[in-house]
Amino acid sequence: MHLHHIIPREVDPKSKATIPLCPTHHALIFVEESKHGQHSIKTSESLIIRQIFDATSGKCILYEDMNGTEIYHLV
């Protein structure tokens, strides 16, 4: 598991809040505000985190893919 900073360090170096993601999903995260680093790379497979919800067993992440499809994932 990787820890993804909810606000990536390249956007806010003081960011502390993280969520666990598998390496595959972590590599696909695209952050529109990021100007450099891993999360600034936009591909056809990229995912954008739209919301993070508390769930009974952890967190639920709402992603949007590049086609506008919403994907829910429990972590």
N, C-alpha and C. Protein backbone atom coordinates (compact mmCIF):
# COMPACT_ATOMS: atom_id res chain seq x y z
N MET A 1 0.83 -1.19 0.00
CA MET A 1 0.00 0.00 0.00
C MET A 1 0.88 1.25 0.00
N HIS A 2 0.39 2.27 -0.70
CA HIS A 2 1.01 3.59 -0.70
C HIS A 2 0.12 4.53 0.11
N LEU A 3 0.70 5.56 0.65
CA LEU A 3 -0.08 6.61 1.29
C LEU A 3 -0.13 7.80 0.34
N HIS A 4 -1.33 8.17 -0.07
CA HIS A 4 -1.52 9.31 -0.97
C HIS A 4 -1.92 10.51 -0.13
N HIS A 5 -1.19 11.60 -0.28
CA HIS A 5 -1.57 12.84 0.40
C HIS A 5 -2.82 13.37 -0.29
N ILE A 6 -3.88 13.60 0.47
CA ILE A 6 -5.14 14.06 -0.11
C ILE A 6 -4.91 15.35 -0.90
N ILE A 7 -4.14 16.25 -0.36
CA ILE A 7 -3.62 17.38 -1.13
C ILE A 7 -2.15 17.05 -1.36
N PRO A 8 -1.77 16.68 -2.60
CA PRO A 8 -0.40 16.22 -2.85
C PRO A 8 0.66 17.23 -2.43
N ARG A 9 1.80 16.71 -2.06
CA ARG A 9 2.91 17.56 -1.59
C ARG A 9 3.34 18.56 -2.64
N GLU A 10 3.21 18.23 -3.93
CA GLU A 10 3.61 19.19 -4.96
C GLU A 10 2.66 20.39 -5.01
N VAL A 11 1.46 20.26 -4.43
CA VAL A 11 0.52 21.38 -4.33
C VAL A 11 0.69 22.09 -3.00
N ASP A 12 0.84 21.32 -1.91
CA ASP A 12 1.04 21.88 -0.57
C ASP A 12 2.04 21.01 0.18
N PRO A 13 3.29 21.45 0.25
CA PRO A 13 4.33 20.64 0.91
C PRO A 13 4.04 20.33 2.38
N LYS A 14 3.16 21.07 3.03
CA LYS A 14 2.84 20.84 4.44
C LYS A 14 1.67 19.89 4.62
N SER A 15 1.13 19.38 3.52
CA SER A 15 -0.02 18.48 3.58
C SER A 15 0.29 17.25 4.43
N LYS A 16 -0.62 16.91 5.32
CA LYS A 16 -0.40 15.78 6.23
C LYS A 16 -1.43 14.66 6.05
N ALA A 17 -2.68 14.99 5.69
CA ALA A 17 -3.75 13.99 5.61
C ALA A 17 -3.50 13.03 4.44
N THR A 18 -3.56 11.73 4.73
CA THR A 18 -3.30 10.72 3.71
C THR A 18 -4.42 9.68 3.68
N ILE A 19 -4.49 8.97 2.56
CA ILE A 19 -5.37 7.81 2.42
C ILE A 19 -4.54 6.68 1.82
N PRO A 20 -4.81 5.44 2.20
CA PRO A 20 -4.06 4.32 1.63
C PRO A 20 -4.59 3.97 0.23
N LEU A 21 -3.68 3.79 -0.70
CA LEU A 21 -4.03 3.37 -2.06
C LEU A 21 -3.06 2.29 -2.52
N CYS A 22 -3.54 1.38 -3.34
CA CYS A 22 -2.62 0.41 -3.93
C CYS A 22 -1.71 1.17 -4.90
N PRO A 23 -0.52 0.65 -5.20
CA PRO A 23 0.41 1.35 -6.09
C PRO A 23 -0.20 1.66 -7.46
N THR A 24 -1.04 0.78 -7.99
CA THR A 24 -1.65 1.00 -9.31
C THR A 24 -2.55 2.22 -9.29
N HIS A 25 -3.48 2.28 -8.32
CA HIS A 25 -4.38 3.43 -8.25
C HIS A 25 -3.61 4.71 -7.93
N HIS A 26 -2.62 4.63 -7.06
CA HIS A 26 -1.85 5.81 -6.70
C HIS A 26 -1.17 6.41 -7.94
N ALA A 27 -0.64 5.55 -8.79
CA ALA A 27 0.05 6.03 -10.00
C ALA A 27 -0.90 6.69 -11.00
N LEU A 28 -2.19 6.39 -10.92
CA LEU A 28 -3.17 6.92 -11.87
C LEU A 28 -3.78 8.25 -11.43
N ILE A 29 -3.54 8.67 -10.19
CA ILE A 29 -4.19 9.89 -9.68
C ILE A 29 -3.66 11.12 -10.41
N PHE A 30 -4.59 11.90 -10.96
CA PHE A 30 -4.28 13.17 -11.61
C PHE A 30 -4.89 14.27 -10.75
N VAL A 31 -4.10 15.28 -10.42
CA VAL A 31 -4.56 16.41 -9.62
C VAL A 31 -4.45 17.65 -10.49
N GLU A 32 -5.60 18.23 -10.81
CA GLU A 32 -5.64 19.36 -11.74
C GLU A 32 -4.77 20.55 -11.29
N GLU A 33 -4.65 20.75 -9.98
CA GLU A 33 -3.89 21.89 -9.46
C GLU A 33 -2.38 21.66 -9.49
N SER A 34 -1.95 20.43 -9.69
CA SER A 34 -0.53 20.09 -9.65
C SER A 34 0.17 20.53 -10.94
N LYS A 35 1.27 21.22 -10.79
CA LYS A 35 2.03 21.71 -11.95
C LYS A 35 3.28 20.90 -12.24
N HIS A 36 3.68 20.01 -11.30
CA HIS A 36 4.85 19.16 -11.51
C HIS A 36 4.67 17.91 -10.66
N GLY A 37 5.48 16.92 -10.91
CA GLY A 37 5.41 15.68 -10.13
C GLY A 37 4.45 14.67 -10.72
N GLN A 38 4.40 13.52 -10.08
CA GLN A 38 3.62 12.37 -10.56
C GLN A 38 2.16 12.71 -10.83
N HIS A 39 1.54 13.50 -9.98
CA HIS A 39 0.11 13.74 -10.09
C HIS A 39 -0.25 14.84 -11.07
N SER A 40 0.74 15.38 -11.79
CA SER A 40 0.48 16.37 -12.84
C SER A 40 0.37 15.71 -14.21
N ILE A 41 0.61 14.42 -14.29
CA ILE A 41 0.61 13.70 -15.57
C ILE A 41 -0.79 13.18 -15.87
N LYS A 42 -1.37 13.67 -16.97
CA LYS A 42 -2.72 13.29 -17.36
C LYS A 42 -2.65 12.34 -18.54
N THR A 43 -3.25 11.15 -18.37
CA THR A 43 -3.32 10.17 -19.45
C THR A 43 -4.78 9.74 -19.61
N SER A 44 -5.04 8.92 -20.61
CA SER A 44 -6.41 8.42 -20.83
C SER A 44 -6.86 7.51 -19.69
N GLU A 45 -5.93 7.00 -18.88
CA GLU A 45 -6.25 6.11 -17.76
C GLU A 45 -6.28 6.83 -16.41
N SER A 46 -6.03 8.13 -16.41
CA SER A 46 -5.96 8.89 -15.16
C SER A 46 -7.28 8.88 -14.42
N LEU A 47 -7.18 9.03 -13.10
CA LEU A 47 -8.34 9.14 -12.21
C LEU A 47 -8.22 10.43 -11.41
N ILE A 48 -9.35 11.09 -11.21
CA ILE A 48 -9.40 12.29 -10.39
C ILE A 48 -10.23 11.96 -9.15
N ILE A 49 -9.68 12.25 -7.97
CA ILE A 49 -10.44 12.04 -6.73
C ILE A 49 -11.42 13.21 -6.60
N ARG A 50 -12.70 12.89 -6.56
CA ARG A 50 -13.74 13.92 -6.44
C ARG A 50 -14.21 14.10 -5.00
N GLN A 51 -14.28 13.00 -4.24
CA GLN A 51 -14.72 13.08 -2.84
C GLN A 51 -14.19 11.89 -2.07
N ILE A 52 -14.03 12.08 -0.77
CA ILE A 52 -13.65 11.00 0.13
C ILE A 52 -14.69 10.97 1.26
N PHE A 53 -15.30 9.81 1.45
CA PHE A 53 -16.35 9.64 2.46
C PHE A 53 -15.86 8.71 3.56
N ASP A 54 -16.36 8.90 4.77
CA ASP A 54 -16.15 7.92 5.83
C ASP A 54 -17.10 6.75 5.57
N ALA A 55 -16.59 5.54 5.71
CA ALA A 55 -17.40 4.33 5.56
C ALA A 55 -17.25 3.50 6.84
N THR A 56 -18.11 2.52 7.03
CA THR A 56 -18.06 1.72 8.25
C THR A 56 -16.75 0.96 8.36
N SER A 57 -16.12 0.64 7.25
CA SER A 57 -14.89 -0.14 7.29
C SER A 57 -13.67 0.67 6.85
N GLY A 58 -13.75 1.98 6.83
CA GLY A 58 -12.61 2.80 6.41
C GLY A 58 -13.07 4.02 5.65
N LYS A 59 -12.59 4.17 4.43
CA LYS A 59 -12.93 5.31 3.58
C LYS A 59 -13.50 4.81 2.26
N CYS A 60 -14.35 5.63 1.66
CA CYS A 60 -14.86 5.37 0.32
C CYS A 60 -14.40 6.55 -0.54
N ILE A 61 -13.77 6.26 -1.65
CA ILE A 61 -13.24 7.30 -2.54
C ILE A 61 -14.09 7.32 -3.81
N LEU A 62 -14.54 8.51 -4.18
CA LEU A 62 -15.23 8.71 -5.44
C LEU A 62 -14.22 9.24 -6.44
N TYR A 63 -13.92 8.43 -7.45
CA TYR A 63 -13.03 8.81 -8.53
C TYR A 63 -13.87 9.20 -9.74
N GLU A 64 -13.28 9.97 -10.64
CA GLU A 64 -13.85 10.20 -11.96
C GLU A 64 -12.76 9.88 -12.97
N ASP A 65 -13.11 9.05 -13.98
CA ASP A 65 -12.10 8.75 -15.00
C ASP A 65 -12.16 9.83 -16.09
N MET A 66 -11.33 9.71 -17.10
CA MET A 66 -11.23 10.75 -18.13
C MET A 66 -12.46 10.80 -19.04
N ASN A 67 -13.34 9.80 -18.94
CA ASN A 67 -14.59 9.80 -19.71
C ASN A 67 -15.74 10.38 -18.90
N GLY A 68 -15.48 10.77 -17.64
CA GLY A 68 -16.51 11.32 -16.78
C GLY A 68 -17.27 10.26 -15.99
N THR A 69 -16.84 9.00 -16.07
CA THR A 69 -17.49 7.92 -15.34
C THR A 69 -17.07 7.97 -13.87
N GLU A 70 -18.06 7.87 -12.97
CA GLU A 70 -17.77 7.85 -11.54
C GLU A 70 -17.49 6.44 -11.09
N ILE A 71 -16.47 6.28 -10.25
CA ILE A 71 -16.06 4.98 -9.72
C ILE A 71 -15.93 5.13 -8.21
N TYR A 72 -16.57 4.24 -7.46
CA TYR A 72 -16.46 4.24 -6.01
C TYR A 72 -15.52 3.11 -5.60
N HIS A 73 -14.66 3.39 -4.62
CA HIS A 73 -13.66 2.41 -4.18
C HIS A 73 -13.54 2.48 -2.66
N LEU A 74 -13.64 1.35 -2.00
CA LEU A 74 -13.47 1.29 -0.55
C LEU A 74 -12.02 1.00 -0.20
N VAL A 75 -11.49 1.75 0.75
CA VAL A 75 -10.12 1.53 1.23
C VAL A 75 -10.13 1.42 2.73
